[in-house]
C-alpha atoms as a PDB file:
ATOM      1  CA  MET A   1      20.705 -16.133  51.007  1.00  0.00           C
ATOM      2  CA  LYS A   2      23.022 -19.001  49.623  1.00  0.00           C
ATOM      3  CA  ILE A   3      20.694 -21.474  50.897  1.00  0.00           C
ATOM      4  CA  LYS A   4      17.739 -19.743  49.096  1.00  0.00           C
ATOM      5  CA  ILE A   5      19.497 -19.598  45.738  1.00  0.00           C
ATOM      6  CA  ILE A   6      20.327 -23.244  46.103  1.00  0.00           C
ATOM      7  CA  LEU A   7      16.815 -24.127  46.817  1.00  0.00           C
ATOM      8  CA  THR A   8      15.701 -21.970  43.891  1.00  0.00           C
ATOM      9  CA  LEU A   9      18.392 -23.872  41.610  1.00  0.00           C
ATOM     10  CA  ILE A  10      16.885 -27.182  42.912  1.00  0.00           C
ATOM     11  CA  LEU A  11      13.465 -26.173  41.779  1.00  0.00           C
ATOM     12  CA  MET A  12      14.608 -25.138  38.432  1.00  0.00           C
ATOM     13  CA  LEU A  13      16.416 -28.268  37.715  1.00  0.00           C
ATOM     14  CA  ASN A  14      13.239 -30.305  38.622  1.00  0.00           C
ATOM     15  CA  ALA A  15      11.128 -27.897  36.530  1.00  0.00           C
ATOM     16  CA  GLU A  16      13.487 -28.481  33.554  1.00  0.00           C
ATOM     17  CA  ILE A  17      13.316 -32.209  33.841  1.00  0.00           C
ATOM     18  CA  PHE A  18       9.538 -32.330  33.932  1.00  0.00           C
ATOM     19  CA  ILE A  19       9.144 -29.736  31.100  1.00  0.00           C
ATOM     20  CA  TYR A  20      11.127 -31.688  28.651  1.00  0.00           C
ATOM     21  CA  ALA A  21       9.725 -35.023  29.658  1.00  0.00           C
ATOM     22  CA  GLN A  22       6.027 -34.415  28.932  1.00  0.00           C
ATOM     23  CA  LYS A  23       4.756 -34.670  25.233  1.00  0.00           C
ATOM     24  CA  ALA A  24       1.852 -35.374  23.233  1.00  0.00           C
ATOM     25  CA  LEU A  25       1.970 -37.418  19.963  1.00  0.00           C
ATOM     26  CA  ALA A  26       2.517 -35.659  16.764  1.00  0.00           C
ATOM     27  CA  ILE A  27      -1.099 -36.972  15.281  1.00  0.00           C
ATOM     28  CA  PRO A  28      -3.961 -35.092  13.924  1.00  0.00           C
ATOM     29  CA  VAL A  29      -6.688 -36.988  15.302  1.00  0.00           C
ATOM     30  CA  ASN A  30      -9.329 -35.463  12.808  1.00  0.00           C
ATOM     31  CA  ALA A  31      -7.117 -37.143   9.940  1.00  0.00           C
ATOM     32  CA  LEU A  32      -7.945 -40.451  11.623  1.00  0.00           C
ATOM     33  CA  LEU A  33     -11.629 -39.909  11.913  1.00  0.00           C
ATOM     34  CA  GLU A  34     -11.785 -39.100   8.222  1.00  0.00           C
ATOM     35  CA  LYS A  35     -10.889 -42.792   7.674  1.00  0.00           C
ATOM     36  CA  VAL A  36     -14.014 -44.044   9.516  1.00  0.00           C
ATOM     37  CA  HIS A  37     -16.347 -45.569   7.017  1.00  0.00           C
ATOM     38  CA  SER A  38     -19.768 -46.548   8.011  1.00  0.00           C
ATOM     39  CA  PRO A  39     -21.477 -48.959   5.794  1.00  0.00           C
ATOM     40  CA  ALA A  40     -24.540 -48.180   3.658  1.00  0.00           C
ATOM     41  CA  SER A  41     -26.254 -51.587   3.772  1.00  0.00           C
ATOM     42  CA  SER A  42     -25.870 -55.038   5.301  1.00  0.00           C
ATOM     43  CA  GLN A  43     -24.348 -56.254   2.068  1.00  0.00           C
ATOM     44  CA  GLU A  44     -21.696 -53.903   2.447  1.00  0.00           C
ATOM     45  CA  SER A  45     -21.067 -54.843   6.161  1.00  0.00           C
ATOM     46  CA  PHE A  46     -20.729 -58.407   4.718  1.00  0.00           C
ATOM     47  CA  GLN A  47     -18.240 -57.174   2.259  1.00  0.00           C
ATOM     48  CA  LEU A  48     -16.019 -55.236   4.897  1.00  0.00           C
ATOM     49  CA  CYS A  49     -16.243 -57.942   7.788  1.00  0.00           C
ATOM     50  CA  THR A  50     -13.700 -60.651   8.109  1.00  0.00           C
ATOM     51  CA  LYS A  51     -15.658 -64.000   7.293  1.00  0.00           C
ATOM     52  CA  GLU A  52     -14.853 -67.555   8.045  1.00  0.00           C
ATOM     53  CA  THR A  53     -16.247 -70.494   6.118  1.00  0.00           C
ATOM     54  CA  ASP A  54     -16.626 -73.905   7.923  1.00  0.00           C
ATOM     55  CA  PRO A  55     -14.479 -76.576   5.767  1.00  0.00           C
ATOM     56  CA  ASP A  56     -17.037 -79.151   6.583  1.00  0.00           C
ATOM     57  CA  ASN A  57     -20.333 -77.587   5.705  1.00  0.00           C
ATOM     58  CA  GLY A  58     -19.547 -74.419   3.884  1.00  0.00           C
ATOM     59  CA  LEU A  59     -21.191 -72.307   6.318  1.00  0.00           C
ATOM     60  CA  ILE A  60     -20.263 -68.633   6.456  1.00  0.00           C
ATOM     61  CA  SER A  61     -19.895 -66.930   9.767  1.00  0.00           C
ATOM     62  CA  VAL A  62     -18.791 -63.304  10.704  1.00  0.00           C
ATOM     63  CA  LYS A  63     -15.634 -63.035  12.783  1.00  0.00           C
ATOM     64  CA  ASP A  64     -14.990 -59.269  13.216  1.00  0.00           C
ATOM     65  CA  ALA A  65     -15.656 -55.822  11.628  1.00  0.00           C
ATOM     66  CA  GLY A  66     -12.953 -56.445   8.986  1.00  0.00           C
ATOM     67  CA  ASP A  67      -9.303 -55.041   8.184  1.00  0.00           C
ATOM     68  CA  GLU A  68     -10.230 -51.306   7.747  1.00  0.00           C
ATOM     69  CA  VAL A  69     -11.908 -51.053  11.326  1.00  0.00           C
ATOM     70  CA  ASN A  70      -9.315 -53.159  12.979  1.00  0.00           C
ATOM     71  CA  LYS A  71      -6.538 -51.216  11.886  1.00  0.00           C
ATOM     72  CA  LEU A  72      -8.004 -48.121  12.970  1.00  0.00           C
ATOM     73  CA  GLN A  73      -8.890 -49.458  16.342  1.00  0.00           C
ATOM     74  CA  GLN A  74      -5.416 -50.925  16.651  1.00  0.00           C
ATOM     75  CA  THR A  75      -3.815 -47.538  15.845  1.00  0.00           C
ATOM     76  CA  VAL A  76      -6.182 -45.803  18.461  1.00  0.00           C
ATOM     77  CA  THR A  77      -5.292 -48.390  21.023  1.00  0.00           C
ATOM     78  CA  ASN A  78      -1.520 -47.848  20.581  1.00  0.00           C
ATOM     79  CA  ASP A  79      -1.630 -44.248  20.524  1.00  0.00           C
ATOM     80  CA  MET A  80      -3.749 -44.334  23.804  1.00  0.00           C
ATOM     81  CA  THR A  81      -1.327 -46.871  25.184  1.00  0.00           C
ATOM     82  CA  GLN A  82       1.660 -44.633  24.443  1.00  0.00           C
ATOM     83  CA  LEU A  83       0.057 -41.591  25.945  1.00  0.00           C
ATOM     84  CA  GLY A  84      -0.675 -43.365  29.073  1.00  0.00           C
ATOM     85  CA  SER A  85       2.795 -44.858  29.243  1.00  0.00           C
ATOM     86  CA  ALA A  86       4.365 -41.451  28.735  1.00  0.00           C
ATOM     87  CA  SER A  87       2.397 -40.026  31.481  1.00  0.00           C
ATOM     88  CA  MET A  88       3.291 -42.761  33.940  1.00  0.00           C
ATOM     89  CA  ASN A  89       6.980 -42.324  32.912  1.00  0.00           C
ATOM     90  CA  ASN A  90       6.929 -38.794  33.229  1.00  0.00           C
ATOM     91  CA  SER A  91       5.173 -39.026  36.719  1.00  0.00           C
ATOM     92  CA  TYR A  92       7.982 -41.322  37.844  1.00  0.00           C
ATOM     93  CA  SER A  93      10.713 -39.322  36.242  1.00  0.00           C
ATOM     94  CA  SER A  94       9.694 -36.066  37.917  1.00  0.00           C
ATOM     95  CA  THR A  95       9.518 -38.055  41.250  1.00  0.00           C
ATOM     96  CA  ALA A  96      12.710 -39.961  40.872  1.00  0.00           C
ATOM     97  CA  THR A  97      14.825 -36.955  39.861  1.00  0.00           C
ATOM     98  CA  SER A  98      13.304 -34.512  42.255  1.00  0.00           C
ATOM     99  CA  MET A  99      16.601 -33.898  43.946  1.00  0.00           C
ATOM    100  CA  PRO A 100      20.041 -33.115  42.312  1.00  0.00           C
ATOM    101  CA  SER A 101      22.721 -35.546  42.713  1.00  0.00           C
ATOM    102  CA  ALA A 102      25.183 -35.458  45.526  1.00  0.00           C
ATOM    103  CA  ALA A 103      27.809 -34.057  43.270  1.00  0.00           C
ATOM    104  CA  GLN A 104      25.501 -31.407  42.104  1.00  0.00           C
ATOM    105  CA  MET A 105      24.523 -30.508  45.640  1.00  0.00           C
ATOM    106  CA  GLU A 106      28.284 -30.257  46.731  1.00  0.00           C
ATOM    107  CA  GLU A 107      29.087 -28.129  43.657  1.00  0.00           C
ATOM    108  CA  MET A 108      26.246 -25.629  44.845  1.00  0.00           C
ATOM    109  CA  LYS A 109      27.433 -25.579  48.198  1.00  0.00           C
ATOM    110  CA  ASN A 110      30.840 -24.554  47.237  1.00  0.00           C
ATOM    111  CA  MET A 111      29.310 -21.702  44.863  1.00  0.00           C
ATOM    112  CA  THR A 112      29.581 -17.990  45.938  1.00  0.00           C
ATOM    113  CA  PRO A 113      26.213 -16.275  45.882  1.00  0.00           C
ATOM    114  CA  GLU A 114      27.448 -14.579  42.761  1.00  0.00           C
ATOM    115  CA  GLN A 115      28.146 -17.801  41.048  1.00  0.00           C
ATOM    116  CA  ALA A 116      24.831 -19.177  42.167  1.00  0.00           C
ATOM    117  CA  MET A 117      22.965 -16.271  40.821  1.00  0.00           C
ATOM    118  CA  LYS A 118      24.550 -16.601  37.488  1.00  0.00           C
ATOM    119  CA  MET A 119      23.661 -20.200  37.330  1.00  0.00           C
ATOM    120  CA  ALA A 120      20.108 -19.340  38.402  1.00  0.00           C
ATOM    121  CA  LYS A 121      19.911 -16.808  35.372  1.00  0.00           C
ATOM    122  CA  GLN A 122      21.180 -19.503  33.112  1.00  0.00           C
ATOM    123  CA  HIS A 123      18.119 -21.655  33.870  1.00  0.00           C
ATOM    124  CA  PRO A 124      15.031 -19.625  33.456  1.00  0.00           C
ATOM    125  CA  THR A 125      12.963 -22.735  32.734  1.00  0.00           C
ATOM    126  CA  ASN A 126      10.184 -21.950  34.837  1.00  0.00           C
ATOM    127  CA  THR A 127       9.467 -18.424  33.621  1.00  0.00           C
ATOM    128  CA  ILE A 128       6.262 -17.760  31.229  1.00  0.00           C
ATOM    129  CA  GLN A 129       7.581 -16.926  27.934  1.00  0.00           C
ATOM    130  CA  THR A 130       5.711 -14.580  25.730  1.00  0.00           C
ATOM    131  CA  ASN A 131       4.437 -17.442  23.317  1.00  0.00           C
ATOM    132  CA  ASN A 132       2.928 -19.314  26.160  1.00  0.00           C
ATOM    133  CA  ILE A 133       0.190 -16.509  26.662  1.00  0.00           C
ATOM    134  CA  SER A 134      -1.352 -17.303  23.461  1.00  0.00           C
ATOM    135  CA  LEU A 135      -1.084 -21.112  23.685  1.00  0.00           C
ATOM    136  CA  ILE A 136      -2.578 -20.934  27.020  1.00  0.00           C
ATOM    137  CA  LYS A 137      -5.499 -19.188  25.619  1.00  0.00           C
ATOM    138  CA  GLU A 138      -5.563 -21.649  22.860  1.00  0.00           C
ATOM    139  CA  PHE A 139      -5.664 -24.516  25.143  1.00  0.00           C
ATOM    140  CA  GLY A 140      -8.422 -23.114  27.015  1.00  0.00           C
ATOM    141  CA  LYS A 141     -10.510 -22.923  23.769  1.00  0.00           C
ATOM    142  CA  ALA A 142      -9.272 -26.510  23.162  1.00  0.00           C
ATOM    143  CA  GLU A 143     -10.605 -27.621  26.592  1.00  0.00           C
ATOM    144  CA  ASP A 144     -13.955 -26.122  25.875  1.00  0.00           C
ATOM    145  CA  ALA A 145     -14.116 -28.061  22.626  1.00  0.00           C
ATOM    146  CA  GLY A 146     -13.258 -31.284  24.432  1.00  0.00           C
ATOM    147  CA  MET A 147     -16.204 -30.744  26.879  1.00  0.00           C
ATOM    148  CA  LYS A 148     -18.356 -30.193  23.813  1.00  0.00           C
ATOM    149  CA  ILE A 149     -17.116 -33.532  22.215  1.00  0.00           C
ATOM    150  CA  ASN A 150     -17.874 -35.242  25.480  1.00  0.00           C
ATOM    151  CA  LEU A 151     -21.525 -33.936  25.496  1.00  0.00           C
ATOM    152  CA  LEU A 152     -21.869 -34.839  21.903  1.00  0.00           C
ATOM    153  CA  ILE A 153     -20.441 -38.369  22.084  1.00  0.00           C
ATOM    154  CA  SER A 154     -22.808 -39.047  24.909  1.00  0.00           C
ATOM    155  CA  GLU A 155     -25.715 -37.895  23.210  1.00  0.00           C
ATOM    156  CA  LEU A 156     -24.691 -39.848  19.873  1.00  0.00           C
ATOM    157  CA  ASN A 157     -24.197 -43.135  22.146  1.00  0.00           C
ATOM    158  CA  SER A 158     -27.726 -42.646  23.967  1.00  0.00           C
ATOM    159  CA  LYS A 159     -29.447 -42.258  20.570  1.00  0.00           C
ATOM    160  CA  VAL A 160     -27.676 -45.183  19.167  1.00  0.00           C
ATOM    161  CA  LEU A 161     -28.884 -47.270  21.842  1.00  0.00           C
ATOM    162  CA  GLN A 162     -32.227 -46.216  21.368  1.00  0.00           C
ATOM    163  CA  LEU A 163     -31.904 -47.224  17.594  1.00  0.00           C
ATOM    164  CA  ASP A 164     -30.572 -50.664  18.690  1.00  0.00           C
ATOM    165  CA  GLY A 165     -33.603 -51.304  20.769  1.00  0.00           C
ATOM    166  CA  GLU A 166     -35.914 -50.145  17.866  1.00  0.00           C
ATOM    167  CA  LEU A 167     -34.155 -52.812  15.531  1.00  0.00           C
ATOM    168  CA  GLN A 168     -34.619 -55.561  18.108  1.00  0.00           C
ATOM    169  CA  GLN A 169     -38.207 -54.841  18.146  1.00  0.00           C
ATOM    170  CA  GLU A 170     -38.243 -54.718  14.338  1.00  0.00           C
ATOM    171  CA  TYR A 171     -36.558 -58.290  14.289  1.00  0.00           C
ATOM    172  CA  LYS A 172     -39.205 -59.640  16.778  1.00  0.00           C
ATOM    173  CA  LYS A 173     -41.930 -58.746  14.018  1.00  0.00           C
ATOM    174  CA  VAL A 174     -40.371 -60.977  11.619  1.00  0.00           C
ATOM    175  CA  LYS A 175     -41.758 -64.535  11.624  1.00  0.00           C
ATOM    176  CA  LEU A 176     -41.365 -67.703   9.908  1.00  0.00           C
ATOM    177  CA  THR A 177     -44.677 -68.057   8.362  1.00  0.00           C
ATOM    178  CA  GLY A 178     -46.487 -70.287   5.901  1.00  0.00           C
ATOM    179  CA  LYS A 179     -46.753 -74.054   5.679  1.00  0.00           C
ATOM    180  CA  CYS A 180     -44.828 -76.126   3.266  1.00  0.00           C
ATOM    181  CA  GLU A 181     -46.593 -78.853   1.265  1.00  0.00           C
ATOM    182  CA  GLU A 182     -45.351 -82.381   2.406  1.00  0.00           C
ATOM    183  CA  PHE A 183     -44.652 -85.500   0.330  1.00  0.00           C
ATOM    184  CA  LYS A 184     -44.520 -88.994   1.548  1.00  0.00           C
ATOM    185  CA  VAL A 185     -41.236 -90.780   1.622  1.00  0.00           C
ATOM    186  CA  GLN A 186     -41.298 -93.910  -0.697  1.00  0.00           C
ATOM    187  CA  GLY A 187     -40.899 -97.023   1.482  1.00  0.00           C
ATOM    188  CA  ALA A 188     -41.337 -95.185   4.807  1.00  0.00           C
ATOM    189  CA  ASP A 189     -44.189 -94.075   6.834  1.00  0.00           C
ATOM    190  CA  ILE A 190     -43.271 -90.370   7.116  1.00  0.00           C
ATOM    191  CA  ALA A 191     -44.046 -87.198   5.273  1.00  0.00           C
ATOM    192  CA  LEU A 192     -41.267 -84.380   4.681  1.00  0.00           C
ATOM    193  CA  PRO A 193     -41.944 -80.958   3.484  1.00  0.00           C
ATOM    194  CA  LYS A 194     -40.603 -79.926  -0.039  1.00  0.00           C
ATOM    195  CA  CYS A 195     -37.174 -78.427   0.478  1.00  0.00           C
ATOM    196  CA  ASP A 196     -37.694 -75.877  -2.283  1.00  0.00           C
ATOM    197  CA  CYS A 197     -40.656 -74.405  -0.163  1.00  0.00           C
ATOM    198  CA  ILE A 198     -38.458 -74.650   2.873  1.00  0.00           C
ATOM    199  CA  LYS A 199     -35.681 -72.517   1.344  1.00  0.00           C
ATOM    200  CA  THR A 200     -38.140 -69.965  -0.014  1.00  0.00           C
ATOM    201  CA  LYS A 201     -39.837 -69.960   3.586  1.00  0.00           C
ATOM    202  CA  TYR A 202     -36.392 -69.141   5.227  1.00  0.00           C
ATOM    203  CA  SER A 203     -35.014 -66.984   2.430  1.00  0.00           C
ATOM    204  CA  THR A 204     -37.986 -64.726   2.865  1.00  0.00           C
ATOM    205  CA  PHE A 205     -37.649 -64.776   6.678  1.00  0.00           C
ATOM    206  CA  TYR A 206     -33.858 -63.722   6.563  1.00  0.00           C
ATOM    207  CA  ASN A 207     -34.477 -61.248   3.663  1.00  0.00           C
ATOM    208  CA  GLN A 208     -37.091 -59.353   5.831  1.00  0.00           C
ATOM    209  CA  ARG A 209     -34.463 -59.272   8.674  1.00  0.00           C
ATOM    210  CA  VAL A 210     -31.936 -57.845   6.275  1.00  0.00           C
ATOM    211  CA  VAL A 211     -34.507 -55.124   5.152  1.00  0.00           C
ATOM    212  CA  ALA A 212     -34.792 -54.314   8.983  1.00  0.00           C
ATOM    213  CA  ALA A 213     -31.004 -54.225   9.246  1.00  0.00           C
ATOM    214  CA  ASP A 214     -30.738 -51.923   6.105  1.00  0.00           C
ATOM    215  CA  GLN A 215     -33.279 -49.530   7.369  1.00  0.00           C
ATOM    216  CA  TYR A 216     -31.507 -49.191  10.687  1.00  0.00           C
ATOM    217  CA  ILE A 217     -28.233 -48.561   9.018  1.00  0.00           C
ATOM    218  CA  GLN A 218     -29.825 -45.735   6.999  1.00  0.00           C
ATOM    219  CA  LYS A 219     -31.175 -44.304  10.361  1.00  0.00           C
ATOM    220  CA  LEU A 220     -27.799 -44.745  12.111  1.00  0.00           C
ATOM    221  CA  ASN A 221     -25.838 -43.040   9.391  1.00  0.00           C
ATOM    222  CA  THR A 222     -28.245 -40.095   9.213  1.00  0.00           C
ATOM    223  CA  LEU A 223     -27.821 -39.886  13.024  1.00  0.00           C
ATOM    224  CA  ILE A 224     -23.909 -39.883  12.739  1.00  0.00           C
ATOM    225  CA  GLN A 225     -23.903 -37.371  10.147  1.00  0.00           C
ATOM    226  CA  LYS A 226     -25.841 -35.202  12.240  1.00  0.00           C
ATOM    227  CA  TYR A 227     -23.161 -35.214  15.033  1.00  0.00           C
ATOM    228  CA  LEU A 228     -20.080 -35.706  13.058  1.00  0.00           C
ATOM    229  CA  PRO A 229     -19.544 -31.917  11.694  1.00  0.00           C
ATOM    230  CA  ASP A 230     -19.606 -30.585  14.971  1.00  0.00           C
ATOM    231  CA  ILE A 231     -17.277 -33.265  16.416  1.00  0.00           C
ATOM    232  CA  LYS A 232     -14.833 -32.764  13.683  1.00  0.00           C
ATOM    233  CA  ASN A 233     -14.874 -29.054  14.179  1.00  0.00           C
ATOM    234  CA  ASP A 234     -14.103 -29.302  17.761  1.00  0.00           C
ATOM    235  CA  LEU A 235     -11.463 -31.904  17.049  1.00  0.00           C
ATOM    236  CA  ALA A 236      -9.963 -29.388  14.775  1.00  0.00           C
ATOM    237  CA  VAL A 237      -9.652 -26.922  17.500  1.00  0.00           C
ATOM    238  CA  ILE A 238      -7.783 -29.429  19.814  1.00  0.00           C
ATOM    239  CA  ASP A 239      -5.582 -30.636  16.829  1.00  0.00           C
ATOM    240  CA  LYS A 240      -4.588 -26.894  16.349  1.00  0.00           C
ATOM    241  CA  ALA A 241      -3.742 -26.319  19.933  1.00  0.00           C
ATOM    242  CA  GLU A 242      -1.646 -29.424  19.969  1.00  0.00           C
ATOM    243  CA  SER A 243       0.185 -28.563  16.599  1.00  0.00           C
ATOM    244  CA  ASP A 244       0.674 -24.814  17.696  1.00  0.00           C
ATOM    245  CA  SER A 245       2.340 -26.021  20.907  1.00  0.00           C
ATOM    246  CA  GLN A 246       4.399 -28.670  18.895  1.00  0.00           C
ATOM    247  CA  TYR A 247       2.577 -31.288  20.920  1.00  0.00           C
ATOM    248  CA  GLY A 248       3.875 -29.741  24.161  1.00  0.00           C
ATOM    249  CA  ASP A 249       7.529 -28.784  23.230  1.00  0.00           C
ATOM    250  CA  ALA A 250       6.644 -25.185  22.856  1.00  0.00           C
ATOM    251  CA  LEU A 251       5.217 -25.013  26.372  1.00  0.00           C
ATOM    252  CA  THR A 252       7.239 -24.214  29.398  1.00  0.00           C
ATOM    253  CA  ILE A 253       4.610 -24.647  32.056  1.00  0.00           C
ATOM    254  CA  PRO A 254       4.224 -28.277  33.334  1.00  0.00           C
ATOM    255  CA  ALA A 255       0.646 -28.163  33.940  1.00  0.00           C
ATOM    256  CA  TYR A 256       0.030 -27.076  30.276  1.00  0.00           C
ATOM    257  CA  LYS A 257       2.496 -29.666  29.029  1.00  0.00           C
ATOM    258  CA  GLN A 258       0.106 -32.558  30.793  1.00  0.00           C
ATOM    259  CA  ARG A 259      -2.831 -30.927  29.439  1.00  0.00           C
ATOM    260  CA  ALA A 260      -1.439 -31.346  25.817  1.00  0.00           C
ATOM    261  CA  VAL A 261      -1.350 -34.949  26.715  1.00  0.00           C
ATOM    262  CA  SER A 262      -4.742 -35.332  28.431  1.00  0.00           C
ATOM    263  CA  LEU A 263      -6.408 -33.383  25.742  1.00  0.00           C
ATOM    264  CA  GLN A 264      -5.168 -35.697  23.037  1.00  0.00           C
ATOM    265  CA  GLN A 265      -6.178 -38.755  25.224  1.00  0.00           C
ATOM    266  CA  GLN A 266      -9.636 -37.242  25.374  1.00  0.00           C
ATOM    267  CA  ALA A 267      -9.715 -36.755  21.545  1.00  0.00           C
ATOM    268  CA  LEU A 268      -8.443 -40.292  20.940  1.00  0.00           C
ATOM    269  CA  ILE A 269     -11.352 -41.700  23.369  1.00  0.00           C
ATOM    270  CA  SER A 270     -14.072 -40.024  21.227  1.00  0.00           C
ATOM    271  CA  MET A 271     -12.483 -41.532  18.198  1.00  0.00           C
ATOM    272  CA  SER A 272     -12.600 -44.943  19.754  1.00  0.00           C
ATOM    273  CA  SER A 273     -16.404 -44.224  20.613  1.00  0.00           C
ATOM    274  CA  ILE A 274     -17.282 -43.688  17.119  1.00  0.00           C
ATOM    275  CA  LEU A 275     -15.242 -46.506  15.800  1.00  0.00           C
ATOM    276  CA  GLY A 276     -17.087 -48.850  18.504  1.00  0.00           C
ATOM    277  CA  ILE A 277     -20.512 -47.789  16.821  1.00  0.00           C
ATOM    278  CA  VAL A 278     -19.107 -48.441  13.417  1.00  0.00           C
ATOM    279  CA  SER A 279     -17.547 -51.884  14.363  1.00  0.00           C
ATOM    280  CA  ASN A 280     -20.777 -52.965  15.996  1.00  0.00           C
ATOM    281  CA  VAL A 281     -22.914 -52.085  13.027  1.00  0.00           C
ATOM    282  CA  ILE A 282     -20.653 -53.931  10.624  1.00  0.00           C
ATOM    283  CA  LYS A 283     -20.595 -57.145  12.705  1.00  0.00           C
ATOM    284  CA  ASP A 284     -24.384 -57.263  13.689  1.00  0.00           C
ATOM    285  CA  THR A 285     -25.765 -56.290  10.074  1.00  0.00           C
ATOM    286  CA  ALA A 286     -23.152 -58.688   8.301  1.00  0.00           C
ATOM    287  CA  LYS A 287     -24.337 -61.375  10.500  1.00  0.00           C
ATOM    288  CA  GLU A 288     -27.878 -61.009   9.154  1.00  0.00           C
ATOM    289  CA  TYR A 289     -26.556 -60.895   5.577  1.00  0.00           C
ATOM    290  CA  ALA A 290     -24.289 -63.974   6.262  1.00  0.00           C
ATOM    291  CA  ASP A 291     -27.601 -65.939   7.388  1.00  0.00           C
ATOM    292  CA  LEU A 292     -29.458 -64.957   4.169  1.00  0.00           C
ATOM    293  CA  THR A 293     -26.421 -65.995   2.150  1.00  0.00           C
ATOM    294  CA  ASN A 294     -26.017 -69.389   3.881  1.00  0.00           C
ATOM    295  CA  ILE A 295     -29.947 -69.956   2.952  1.00  0.00           C
ATOM    296  CA  ASN A 296     -29.553 -68.913  -0.416  1.00  0.00           C
ATOM    297  CA  ASN A 297     -26.460 -71.238  -0.872  1.00  0.00           C
ATOM    298  CA  GLY A 298     -28.537 -74.188   0.009  1.00  0.00           C
ATOM    299  CA  HIS A 299     -27.559 -74.531   3.696  1.00  0.00           C
ATOM    300  CA  LEU A 300     -31.044 -75.340   4.881  1.00  0.00           C
ATOM    301  CA  PRO A 301     -32.372 -76.718   8.386  1.00  0.00           C
ATOM    302  CA  GLU A 302     -33.307 -80.194   8.848  1.00  0.00           C
ATOM    303  CA  PRO A 303     -34.491 -82.439   6.966  1.00  0.00           C
ATOM    304  CA  CYS A 304     -33.048 -80.519   4.149  1.00  0.00           C
ATOM    305  CA  ASN A 305     -29.817 -79.929   5.291  1.00  0.00           C
END
C-alpha cells in the first residue's frame, strides 16, 4: 500500500513539472496576418522593396521585398524558433526530472500511509478540472480549423503556381521588335543605330513586361482575397482557443498543453506561407519595374550605354 502511494506521488510530481513547463506564446496570429500587405502594382512593389544602386553606373537592382515584409517574416521566424525551443526544452525537462531526488524519495519512504495520502491529496495536478472540459471541446474545434487552413493554404499555393506559369508565358510573348535607323559614324567605316530609337525600343519592351506583371498582380490579389476571409475565420478560432486557455496555463492535461503549442505552430506556418507569396510577388514584379526605370533613366545597352 505504501509503495503504491509513493509511486502515485512520483507520477503526480512528474505531471506537475510537465504541466507548468508547456506554454504557447501570447500572440494573436490573426493580428499578424492583418499586417500583410500585397502590392497593387509593380510600381508599388518597386516602392516597397529594398533597392540597391550601383555607384559606378547608377543601375538600380532589387535586393529584397522591403522592411515591411522582412520585419513580419522575422517576427514569424522568431516565434516559430521560440515555440520549437520550448517544445524541445519541455521534452528534455520532463525526461530529466522524471524521478524525484534522493532526498524526496527518502522522505517518502519514511512517511506513514496516512502522511503519504495527505500529500497526494495536496497535489491533484493530474485530475481534470471542470474548466478543462469546455477547453478540450474548444481545442477540438480549433484543430478542425487548423485542418481547414492547411487545405486552404495548399489550394492557394497550387493556384499561385498556376498563375506564375501563366505569367512566364506572357513574358515569353513580349519581344524586342522594330529596327532602328542607323547613322554612319564620321571618320569610321561603321554604322550605329540611333540611341533615341534604342531607348524607345527597350522602353516599349520593358513596359509591356510591366503591364503583364500588373495583370498578374491583379489576378493574384483577387485569388488571395478569395481565400483570406476563410483563413482569417479559422485563425480566429485557433486564437480564441489559445487565449481562453491562457496559452496553455489554464490546461491541466499535458497532452492538451502540447496541442496548444502545436496548434499555434500550425497557425504561424500558414502565416509564413502567405508572407512567402507576398514576398515573391514584390521581388519579382519590382524587378520588372526596375528594368523599365533603368531604361527610362538612360541606361541603354551597347553601343548606347
